[in-house]
Amino acid sequence: MSLIEFKNISKKFGQFTALSDISLKIEKNTIHSIIGENGAGKSTLVKILVGIEQASSGEMSLRGQIYRPHSARDAFDHKIGLVHQHFQLADELTGWDHLKLVVSNQSLNFEDLQKKTNLILNQFGWSFNLNERIKTYSVGEQQRLEILRVLILEPEIVIFDEPTAVLSPDEIQDFLNFMFKLKERGHTLILISHKLAEIKKVSDDVTILCRGQLTETASIENLTIEIMAEKMIGRKQKSIAHNLEKQKNLQKSKLSIQSLNLELMTYEIMGVAGVEGNGQSQFIDQLLTELKGLNYSIADISEDRYRFSIYPKQSLIDNFLIRHRYSFSNLGLLNKTAVREIVNEIIIKWDVRPQNADMLMGDLSGGNQQKYVIGRELWHDPNFILAAHPSRGVDIGAQEQIHQALINEASLGKCVVLLSSDLDEILKLSHRFIILFKGRIFGPFLKDQLSLNQISQIMNGVYENKIEL
């Protein structure tokens, strides 16, 4: 008997079919990964499992019994916990404040909560100060607190949504080890991730979704990274064209950013590496402030699309106009036909699904929102591109397109600054890169100047007297 079984699950949003006749089983005490392109239906399937969405048809069983959750609380009552991709934490509250909120409807006094919490911390070898406010936590500590908030309710099944998106290389390995420990303690884990190398390392079984349909469920032993990628996107991966030899002969121009004491170049991608929370927001603010003073045409692919780039309750057309209204206005009149044509071009070029210019932005998956934002920002042929975490939460097919677009922009003489907590992305795309740690800038470094170990040391603050630069 399987622990979880989905039987002919379908889900429609109006005329759009997010899931079509999905049937799969998840076995007890395994790590089961669910992968697929943006908009493939991964998040919808998980939301149905935890009661946030209701299936249009089909049914689920849990431990051999019919299972019909109507809320996240129902899921918790059935020992299912979800660790969200985007942290649900308040900066001014302490770690203990958050834990108290989680157990507020349980008969658990603070002394019992402390005992339970310390037991979990000791089990996994974690150490961080729960008396401190969240704004003092590192990204890794915030993630551990999010996980702790779920484990405190003693779930049997734990779902992780893109858990390594904001972690350093060392923290990623720690997290993968943590998953193995959870499994050893009898938990069943469901992992949603676009990082196929990590999927390959930790999974027992993998389910692949494509455009709302189940492509395959198989043991990881029968899947290579290449096979998973091809089944996700329906084709072999493309190689990224990055002709560095040709660019050596280009006449590059310098752009001095005085406030950061940093020199940027045209025809170049400058990478900005670092664990999140080490001054990236301040770096972006200073960079944009100075550039606007120089009247540069800017593409601003922001670090947090939910806060800075989109209006979820507005249509894709309205989200475009928020950024580019003046390009389509004449004497106060708006050329709506031209706007719709441009928005449809962006939707098609960036494969935004579903292809509906009148769709509310908030009804798109996160990856499709990101593709639309990038298409919108590059539409006006800017001469400076700030790309902060441009491929976070998008599938490998979209990553290819985003990466190639940034390379193409640089090859046209643009100046591109790429911020990412994904070190592989920085090293793959950048001509030079800097590293941020607690507001300090280390570098710039050339592509092959440092080893991965040296980079990781700087990112984690272990550099004094231990590293030769």
Protein backbone atom coordinates (compact mmCIF):
# COMPACT_ATOMS: atom_id res chain seq x y z
CA MET A 1 0.00 0.00 0.00
CA SER A 2 1.43 3.37 -1.07
CA LEU A 3 1.55 6.23 1.42
CA ILE A 4 0.00 8.73 -1.05
CA GLU A 5 -1.90 7.99 -4.23
CA PHE A 6 -3.24 10.44 -6.80
CA LYS A 7 -5.99 8.88 -8.93
CA ASN A 8 -6.94 10.61 -12.21
CA ILE A 9 -6.47 14.09 -10.76
CA SER A 10 -7.44 16.98 -13.06
CA LYS A 11 -7.59 20.67 -12.33
CA LYS A 12 -9.03 23.45 -14.47
CA PHE A 13 -8.89 27.21 -13.98
CA GLY A 14 -11.66 28.43 -16.27
CA GLN A 15 -10.80 27.10 -19.73
CA PHE A 16 -7.17 26.44 -18.80
CA THR A 17 -6.26 22.87 -17.82
CA ALA A 18 -3.46 22.91 -15.26
CA LEU A 19 -3.51 19.14 -14.61
CA SER A 20 -4.95 16.41 -16.79
CA ASP A 21 -5.69 12.92 -15.47
CA ILE A 22 -2.66 12.59 -13.17
CA SER A 23 -2.18 9.22 -11.47
CA LEU A 24 0.90 8.44 -9.39
CA LYS A 25 1.99 6.85 -6.13
CA ILE A 26 4.42 8.06 -3.47
CA GLU A 27 5.93 5.38 -1.28
CA LYS A 28 6.52 5.66 2.45
CA ASN A 29 9.99 6.72 3.67
CA THR A 30 11.27 7.82 0.27
CA ILE A 31 12.42 11.08 -1.30
CA HIS A 32 10.08 11.62 -4.25
CA SER A 33 10.91 14.53 -6.57
CA ILE A 34 8.44 16.27 -8.86
CA ILE A 35 9.98 18.11 -11.80
CA GLY A 36 8.73 19.88 -14.90
CA GLU A 37 8.76 23.13 -16.83
CA ASN A 38 7.19 26.28 -15.44
CA GLY A 39 3.45 25.88 -15.72
CA ALA A 40 3.75 22.09 -15.95
CA GLY A 41 1.47 21.69 -12.93
CA LYS A 42 3.94 20.89 -10.11
CA SER A 43 2.75 23.59 -7.74
CA THR A 44 -0.91 22.92 -8.54
CA LEU A 45 -0.47 19.23 -7.68
CA VAL A 46 1.17 20.07 -4.36
CA LYS A 47 -1.48 22.68 -3.55
CA ILE A 48 -4.15 20.03 -4.04
CA LEU A 49 -2.24 17.69 -1.72
CA VAL A 50 -2.06 20.30 1.05
CA GLY A 51 -5.65 21.55 0.61
CA ILE A 52 -4.88 24.98 -0.83
CA GLU A 53 -6.59 24.03 -4.12
CA GLN A 54 -9.35 21.51 -4.84
CA ALA A 55 -9.15 19.05 -7.73
CA SER A 56 -11.74 19.45 -10.50
CA SER A 57 -11.96 15.67 -10.75
CA GLY A 58 -10.23 12.56 -9.44
CA GLU A 59 -9.36 11.64 -5.87
CA MET A 60 -6.46 11.13 -3.47
CA SER A 61 -5.79 8.51 -0.85
CA LEU A 62 -3.50 8.79 2.17
CA ARG A 63 -2.39 5.70 4.08
CA GLY A 64 -5.02 3.70 2.21
CA GLN A 65 -7.91 6.05 3.12
CA ILE A 66 -9.74 8.57 0.93
CA TYR A 67 -8.16 11.99 1.57
CA ARG A 68 -9.98 15.29 0.88
CA PRO A 69 -8.20 18.23 2.55
CA HIS A 70 -9.92 21.63 2.44
CA SER A 71 -7.14 23.74 3.98
CA ALA A 72 -3.49 23.70 4.98
CA ARG A 73 -4.69 23.02 8.54
CA ASP A 74 -6.40 19.84 7.28
CA ALA A 75 -3.08 18.80 5.76
CA PHE A 76 -1.23 19.48 9.04
CA ASP A 77 -3.83 17.40 10.89
CA HIS A 78 -2.99 14.55 8.50
CA LYS A 79 0.76 14.98 9.24
CA ILE A 80 1.64 16.79 5.99
CA GLY A 81 3.85 19.90 6.17
CA LEU A 82 4.92 22.32 3.41
CA VAL A 83 8.13 24.37 3.51
CA HIS A 84 7.49 27.28 1.15
CA GLN A 85 10.01 28.55 -1.41
CA HIS A 86 9.41 32.15 -0.29
CA PHE A 87 10.02 32.55 3.44
CA GLN A 88 6.89 33.45 5.43
CA LEU A 89 8.77 35.37 8.14
CA ALA A 90 8.34 38.82 9.72
CA ASP A 91 11.57 40.80 10.14
CA GLU A 92 10.68 42.31 13.51
CA LEU A 93 9.63 39.06 15.18
CA THR A 94 12.05 36.64 16.84
CA GLY A 95 12.49 32.98 16.04
CA TRP A 96 10.58 32.05 19.19
CA ASP A 97 7.73 34.39 18.19
CA HIS A 98 7.29 32.46 14.95
CA LEU A 99 7.36 29.08 16.70
CA LYS A 100 4.76 30.23 19.24
CA LEU A 101 2.46 31.30 16.40
CA VAL A 102 2.69 27.86 14.82
CA VAL A 103 1.68 26.01 18.01
CA SER A 104 -0.77 28.67 19.27
CA ASN A 105 -3.79 26.38 18.90
CA GLN A 106 -2.11 23.45 20.65
CA SER A 107 -1.95 22.74 24.37
CA LEU A 108 1.80 23.30 24.51
CA ASN A 109 3.36 25.67 27.05
CA PHE A 110 6.60 27.52 26.33
CA GLU A 111 8.71 25.14 28.40
CA ASP A 112 7.43 22.16 26.40
CA LEU A 113 7.96 24.11 23.17
CA GLN A 114 11.57 24.78 24.18
CA LYS A 115 12.18 21.10 24.91
CA LYS A 116 10.66 20.04 21.62
CA THR A 117 12.60 22.67 19.69
CA ASN A 118 15.95 21.85 21.31
CA LEU A 119 15.42 18.17 20.57
CA ILE A 120 15.00 18.93 16.86
CA LEU A 121 17.97 21.31 16.82
CA ASN A 122 20.17 18.69 18.46
CA GLN A 123 18.99 15.96 16.09
CA PHE A 124 20.19 17.91 13.07
CA GLY A 125 23.15 19.72 14.63
CA TRP A 126 21.67 23.18 14.10
CA SER A 127 22.66 26.20 16.16
CA PHE A 128 21.13 29.66 15.83
CA ASN A 129 19.70 32.18 18.26
CA LEU A 130 15.91 32.02 18.41
CA ASN A 131 15.84 35.11 20.64
CA GLU A 132 17.12 37.29 17.78
CA ARG A 133 14.87 39.09 15.32
CA ILE A 134 14.53 37.62 11.85
CA LYS A 135 16.22 40.64 10.23
CA THR A 136 19.50 39.53 11.87
CA TYR A 137 19.30 35.97 10.48
CA SER A 138 21.32 34.75 7.53
CA VAL A 139 19.39 33.20 4.65
CA GLY A 140 20.43 29.74 5.79
CA GLU A 141 19.16 30.44 9.30
CA GLN A 142 15.84 31.71 7.95
CA GLN A 143 15.42 28.53 5.97
CA ARG A 144 16.18 26.38 9.03
CA LEU A 145 13.57 28.32 11.00
CA GLU A 146 11.01 27.71 8.23
CA ILE A 147 11.81 23.99 8.38
CA LEU A 148 11.69 24.05 12.19
CA ARG A 149 8.21 25.62 12.07
CA VAL A 150 7.05 22.61 10.05
CA LEU A 151 8.91 19.92 12.03
CA ILE A 152 7.58 21.23 15.35
CA LEU A 153 4.16 19.90 14.26
CA GLU A 154 5.65 16.42 13.78
CA PRO A 155 4.66 15.78 10.15
CA GLU A 156 5.21 12.40 8.58
CA ILE A 157 5.34 13.93 5.10
CA VAL A 158 7.40 17.06 4.37
CA ILE A 159 7.17 18.95 1.06
CA PHE A 160 10.05 21.22 0.01
CA ASP A 161 9.47 23.80 -2.75
CA GLU A 162 12.74 24.95 -4.38
CA PRO A 163 14.61 24.69 -1.04
CA THR A 164 18.14 25.44 -2.27
CA ALA A 165 17.36 28.46 -4.45
CA VAL A 166 18.99 30.99 -2.09
CA LEU A 167 21.75 28.93 -0.47
CA SER A 168 25.54 28.97 -0.86
CA PRO A 169 27.35 25.84 -2.11
CA ASP A 170 28.22 24.76 1.45
CA GLU A 171 24.66 25.39 2.66
CA ILE A 172 23.26 23.38 -0.24
CA GLN A 173 25.34 20.36 0.72
CA ASP A 174 24.26 20.77 4.34
CA PHE A 175 20.63 20.83 3.22
CA LEU A 176 20.99 17.68 1.11
CA ASN A 177 22.55 15.92 4.11
CA PHE A 178 19.63 17.15 6.21
CA MET A 179 17.17 15.55 3.80
CA PHE A 180 18.91 12.21 4.21
CA LYS A 181 18.69 12.58 8.00
CA LEU A 182 14.95 13.27 7.76
CA LYS A 183 14.51 10.16 5.68
CA GLU A 184 16.55 8.11 8.18
CA ARG A 185 14.13 9.25 10.90
CA GLY A 186 11.17 7.82 8.98
CA HIS A 187 9.90 10.89 7.12
CA THR A 188 8.63 10.84 3.55
CA LEU A 189 9.88 13.81 1.52
CA ILE A 190 8.45 15.44 -1.61
CA LEU A 191 10.94 17.72 -3.37
CA ILE A 192 10.12 20.28 -6.05
CA SER A 193 13.24 21.63 -7.69
CA HIS A 194 14.70 22.68 -11.03
CA LYS A 195 18.22 21.68 -9.99
CA LEU A 196 18.56 18.30 -11.63
CA ALA A 197 22.00 17.53 -10.18
CA GLU A 198 20.51 17.81 -6.69
CA ILE A 199 17.50 15.72 -7.75
CA LYS A 200 19.89 13.03 -8.95
CA LYS A 201 21.80 13.06 -5.65
CA VAL A 202 18.91 12.69 -3.20
CA SER A 203 15.87 11.18 -4.94
CA ASP A 204 14.53 7.66 -4.79
CA ASP A 205 11.80 8.29 -7.38
CA VAL A 206 11.05 11.11 -9.82
CA THR A 207 7.78 12.22 -11.39
CA ILE A 208 8.08 14.33 -14.54
CA LEU A 209 5.22 16.61 -15.59
CA CYS A 210 4.92 18.36 -18.95
CA ARG A 211 2.13 20.84 -19.72
CA GLY A 212 -0.18 19.39 -17.10
CA GLN A 213 0.34 15.79 -18.09
CA LEU A 214 2.38 13.05 -16.46
CA THR A 215 5.32 12.15 -18.67
CA GLU A 216 6.90 9.52 -16.45
CA THR A 217 7.38 8.29 -12.90
CA ALA A 218 10.55 6.27 -12.49
CA SER A 219 13.27 5.22 -10.08
CA ILE A 220 16.20 7.63 -10.10
CA GLU A 221 18.42 4.69 -11.00
CA ASN A 222 16.79 4.68 -14.44
CA LEU A 223 17.19 8.42 -15.04
CA THR A 224 20.23 10.48 -15.95
CA ILE A 225 20.29 14.27 -15.69
CA GLU A 226 20.21 14.45 -19.50
CA ILE A 227 17.16 12.17 -19.74
CA MET A 228 15.30 14.15 -17.07
CA ALA A 229 16.04 17.41 -18.85
CA GLU A 230 14.90 16.07 -22.21
CA LYS A 231 11.66 14.65 -20.80
CA MET A 232 10.93 17.94 -19.00
CA ILE A 233 11.31 20.22 -22.01
CA GLY A 234 10.63 17.76 -24.83
CA ARG A 235 14.03 18.22 -26.48
CA LYS A 236 17.75 18.02 -25.82
CA GLN A 237 19.35 20.93 -23.96
CA LYS A 238 20.98 23.64 -26.06
CA SER A 239 24.53 24.78 -25.51
CA ILE A 240 24.96 28.43 -24.54
CA ALA A 241 26.86 30.47 -27.15
CA HIS A 242 29.38 32.63 -25.28
CA ASN A 243 32.15 33.61 -27.70
CA LEU A 244 34.80 35.05 -25.40
CA GLU A 245 37.58 34.89 -28.00
CA LYS A 246 35.67 37.15 -30.37
CA GLN A 247 34.95 39.62 -27.58
CA LYS A 248 38.64 40.09 -26.77
CA ASN A 249 38.99 42.31 -29.86
CA LEU A 250 36.03 44.56 -29.09
CA GLN A 251 36.47 48.21 -28.15
CA LYS A 252 34.92 48.19 -24.69
CA SER A 253 33.87 51.32 -22.82
CA LYS A 254 34.24 51.78 -19.08
CA LEU A 255 31.44 52.80 -16.78
CA SER A 256 32.63 53.93 -13.35
CA ILE A 257 30.16 53.54 -10.50
CA GLN A 258 31.64 55.96 -7.98
CA SER A 259 29.41 55.05 -5.04
CA LEU A 260 30.52 51.40 -5.25
CA ASN A 261 34.10 52.04 -6.35
CA LEU A 262 33.41 49.63 -9.20
CA GLU A 263 34.28 49.77 -12.87
CA LEU A 264 31.87 48.12 -15.30
CA MET A 265 32.40 47.49 -19.00
CA THR A 266 30.28 47.36 -22.13
CA TYR A 267 30.24 44.03 -23.99
CA GLU A 268 30.56 42.35 -20.60
CA ILE A 269 28.56 40.54 -17.93
CA MET A 270 29.73 41.46 -14.43
CA GLY A 271 28.68 38.79 -11.96
CA VAL A 272 27.80 39.59 -8.35
CA ALA A 273 28.01 36.46 -6.19
CA GLY A 274 27.17 36.03 -2.53
CA VAL A 275 24.78 34.43 -0.10
CA GLU A 276 21.61 36.53 0.07
CA GLY A 277 21.44 39.09 2.85
CA ASN A 278 25.03 40.29 2.44
CA GLY A 279 24.30 43.72 0.98
CA GLN A 280 22.71 42.83 -2.35
CA SER A 281 19.75 45.17 -1.83
CA GLN A 282 22.01 48.09 -0.90
CA PHE A 283 24.26 47.31 -3.88
CA ILE A 284 21.25 47.43 -6.22
CA ASP A 285 19.94 50.67 -4.71
CA GLN A 286 23.29 52.45 -5.07
CA LEU A 287 23.81 51.15 -8.59
CA LEU A 288 20.34 52.17 -9.83
CA THR A 289 20.51 55.57 -8.14
CA GLU A 290 23.77 56.43 -9.86
CA LEU A 291 22.68 55.07 -13.25
CA LYS A 292 19.44 57.07 -13.19
CA GLY A 293 21.50 60.15 -12.51
CA LEU A 294 23.47 59.38 -15.67
CA ASN A 295 20.25 59.00 -17.70
CA TYR A 296 20.92 55.41 -18.73
CA SER A 297 18.18 53.33 -20.31
CA ILE A 298 17.78 50.50 -17.81
CA ALA A 299 16.28 47.02 -17.73
CA ASP A 300 15.55 46.34 -14.07
CA ILE A 301 15.02 42.61 -13.52
CA SER A 302 14.53 43.01 -9.80
CA GLU A 303 15.62 40.73 -6.97
CA ASP A 304 12.04 40.22 -5.77
CA ARG A 305 9.40 40.35 -8.49
CA TYR A 306 6.58 40.16 -5.93
CA ARG A 307 7.70 43.37 -4.24
CA PHE A 308 9.16 45.37 -7.12
CA SER A 309 8.16 44.06 -10.55
CA ILE A 310 4.56 42.90 -10.76
CA TYR A 311 1.03 43.76 -9.77
CA PRO A 312 -0.67 40.35 -9.26
CA LYS A 313 -4.23 41.66 -9.58
CA GLN A 314 -3.57 43.43 -12.87
CA SER A 315 -3.50 41.88 -16.35
CA LEU A 316 -0.33 41.23 -18.35
CA ILE A 317 -1.24 44.25 -20.49
CA ASP A 318 -1.55 46.49 -17.43
CA ASN A 319 1.72 45.15 -16.04
CA PHE A 320 3.38 46.12 -19.31
CA LEU A 321 1.88 49.61 -19.29
CA ILE A 322 3.06 50.25 -15.73
CA ARG A 323 6.58 50.12 -17.17
CA HIS A 324 6.17 51.45 -20.73
CA ARG A 325 2.99 53.56 -20.87
CA TYR A 326 4.71 56.68 -22.22
CA SER A 327 5.99 54.82 -25.28
CA PHE A 328 2.39 54.29 -26.42
CA SER A 329 0.76 57.58 -25.43
CA ASN A 330 0.15 60.53 -27.73
CA LEU A 331 -1.53 63.64 -26.38
CA GLY A 332 -2.87 61.58 -23.51
CA LEU A 333 -4.37 58.91 -25.79
CA LEU A 334 -3.21 55.31 -25.43
CA ASN A 335 -2.65 53.11 -28.49
CA LYS A 336 -4.22 49.98 -27.02
CA THR A 337 -3.94 47.96 -30.24
CA ALA A 338 -0.17 48.46 -30.41
CA VAL A 339 0.21 47.59 -26.72
CA ARG A 340 -1.69 44.34 -27.14
CA GLU A 341 0.43 43.41 -30.16
CA ILE A 342 3.66 43.98 -28.21
CA VAL A 343 2.41 42.04 -25.18
CA ASN A 344 1.41 39.12 -27.41
CA GLU A 345 4.87 39.19 -29.01
CA ILE A 346 6.49 38.98 -25.56
CA ILE A 347 4.17 36.13 -24.55
CA ILE A 348 5.07 34.13 -27.67
CA LYS A 349 8.80 34.91 -27.62
CA TRP A 350 9.16 33.96 -23.95
CA ASP A 351 6.66 31.07 -24.05
CA VAL A 352 4.52 32.52 -21.26
CA ARG A 353 1.73 30.09 -20.40
CA PRO A 354 -1.17 30.34 -20.78
CA GLN A 355 -0.91 32.68 -23.78
CA ASN A 356 -3.47 35.24 -22.71
CA ALA A 357 -2.65 38.94 -22.52
CA ASP A 358 -5.73 39.58 -20.39
CA MET A 359 -4.75 37.00 -17.76
CA LEU A 360 -4.09 38.34 -14.27
CA MET A 361 -0.38 38.27 -13.47
CA GLY A 362 -1.07 36.58 -10.14
CA ASP A 363 -2.72 33.64 -11.93
CA LEU A 364 0.54 32.72 -13.71
CA SER A 365 3.04 30.34 -12.16
CA GLY A 366 6.15 31.99 -10.68
CA GLY A 367 8.34 30.89 -13.57
CA ASN A 368 5.94 32.29 -16.17
CA GLN A 369 5.76 35.57 -14.24
CA GLN A 370 9.54 35.75 -14.34
CA LYS A 371 9.71 35.10 -18.08
CA TYR A 372 7.16 37.83 -18.72
CA VAL A 373 9.03 40.33 -16.52
CA ILE A 374 12.29 39.66 -18.38
CA GLY A 375 10.60 40.01 -21.77
CA ARG A 376 8.98 43.26 -20.65
CA GLU A 377 12.25 44.70 -19.31
CA LEU A 378 14.27 43.87 -22.44
CA TRP A 379 11.58 45.08 -24.84
CA HIS A 380 12.78 48.71 -25.09
CA ASP A 381 16.40 47.84 -26.03
CA PRO A 382 18.05 49.19 -22.84
CA ASN A 383 21.77 49.95 -22.79
CA PHE A 384 22.17 48.75 -19.18
CA ILE A 385 20.72 45.52 -17.81
CA LEU A 386 20.51 44.74 -14.12
CA ALA A 387 19.52 41.09 -13.73
CA ALA A 388 19.00 40.03 -10.11
CA HIS A 389 18.37 36.28 -9.74
CA PRO A 390 16.92 36.17 -13.28
CA SER A 391 16.51 32.39 -13.46
CA ARG A 392 15.38 31.66 -9.89
CA GLY A 393 12.45 29.28 -9.88
CA VAL A 394 12.38 28.78 -13.66
CA ASP A 395 12.83 25.49 -15.49
CA ILE A 396 15.93 24.52 -17.45
CA GLY A 397 14.39 25.44 -20.80
CA ALA A 398 13.63 28.96 -19.57
CA GLN A 399 17.08 29.16 -17.96
CA GLU A 400 18.65 28.50 -21.36
CA GLN A 401 16.62 31.28 -22.93
CA ILE A 402 17.37 33.76 -20.13
CA HIS A 403 21.08 32.99 -20.11
CA GLN A 404 21.34 33.27 -23.89
CA ALA A 405 19.41 36.55 -23.83
CA LEU A 406 21.86 38.08 -21.31
CA ILE A 407 24.83 36.91 -23.38
CA ASN A 408 23.27 38.32 -26.54
CA GLU A 409 22.64 41.68 -24.85
CA ALA A 410 26.28 41.87 -23.75
CA SER A 411 27.45 40.95 -27.26
CA LEU A 412 25.51 43.95 -28.61
CA GLY A 413 27.58 46.31 -26.47
CA LYS A 414 25.30 46.46 -23.46
CA CYS A 415 26.57 46.53 -19.90
CA VAL A 416 25.06 43.64 -17.92
CA VAL A 417 25.22 43.16 -14.15
CA LEU A 418 24.12 39.72 -12.96
CA LEU A 419 23.35 39.14 -9.28
CA SER A 420 22.79 35.54 -8.27
CA SER A 421 23.13 33.28 -5.26
CA ASP A 422 23.60 30.42 -7.75
CA LEU A 423 27.36 30.23 -8.11
CA ASP A 424 27.13 27.98 -11.17
CA GLU A 425 25.13 30.69 -12.93
CA ILE A 426 27.69 33.36 -12.07
CA LEU A 427 30.65 31.30 -13.27
CA LYS A 428 28.83 30.17 -16.41
CA LEU A 429 27.84 33.63 -17.64
CA SER A 430 30.19 36.24 -16.19
CA HIS A 431 33.31 37.66 -17.79
CA ARG A 432 34.38 39.01 -14.39
CA PHE A 433 32.72 38.72 -10.99
CA ILE A 434 32.73 40.20 -7.51
CA ILE A 435 31.66 38.61 -4.22
CA LEU A 436 29.56 40.37 -1.56
CA PHE A 437 29.99 39.54 2.11
CA LYS A 438 28.40 41.72 4.81
CA GLY A 439 28.35 44.72 2.52
CA ARG A 440 32.00 44.38 1.48
CA ILE A 441 32.99 43.88 -2.13
CA PHE A 442 35.72 41.35 -2.90
CA GLY A 443 37.18 41.44 -6.42
CA PRO A 444 36.63 41.80 -9.31
CA PHE A 445 38.02 38.38 -10.19
CA LEU A 446 38.53 36.80 -13.57
CA LYS A 447 36.50 33.70 -14.44
CA ASP A 448 39.14 31.11 -13.51
CA GLN A 449 41.06 33.09 -10.90
CA LEU A 450 39.64 31.36 -7.79
CA SER A 451 38.80 27.77 -6.97
CA LEU A 452 35.28 26.87 -5.88
CA ASN A 453 36.61 26.35 -2.36
CA GLN A 454 38.13 29.83 -2.27
CA ILE A 455 34.91 31.39 -3.56
CA SER A 456 32.86 29.51 -0.96
CA GLN A 457 35.24 30.69 1.78
CA ILE A 458 34.73 34.33 0.82
CA MET A 459 30.95 33.88 0.53
CA ASN A 460 30.84 32.47 4.06
CA GLY A 461 33.29 34.95 5.64
CA VAL A 462 36.12 32.46 6.15
CA TYR A 463 38.84 34.30 4.32
CA GLU A 464 41.18 36.08 6.74
CA ASN A 465 44.65 34.49 6.79
CA LYS A 466 43.21 31.43 5.08
CA ILE A 467 43.02 32.44 1.47
CA GLU A 468 45.46 33.94 -0.98
CA LEU A 469 43.86 36.18 -3.56
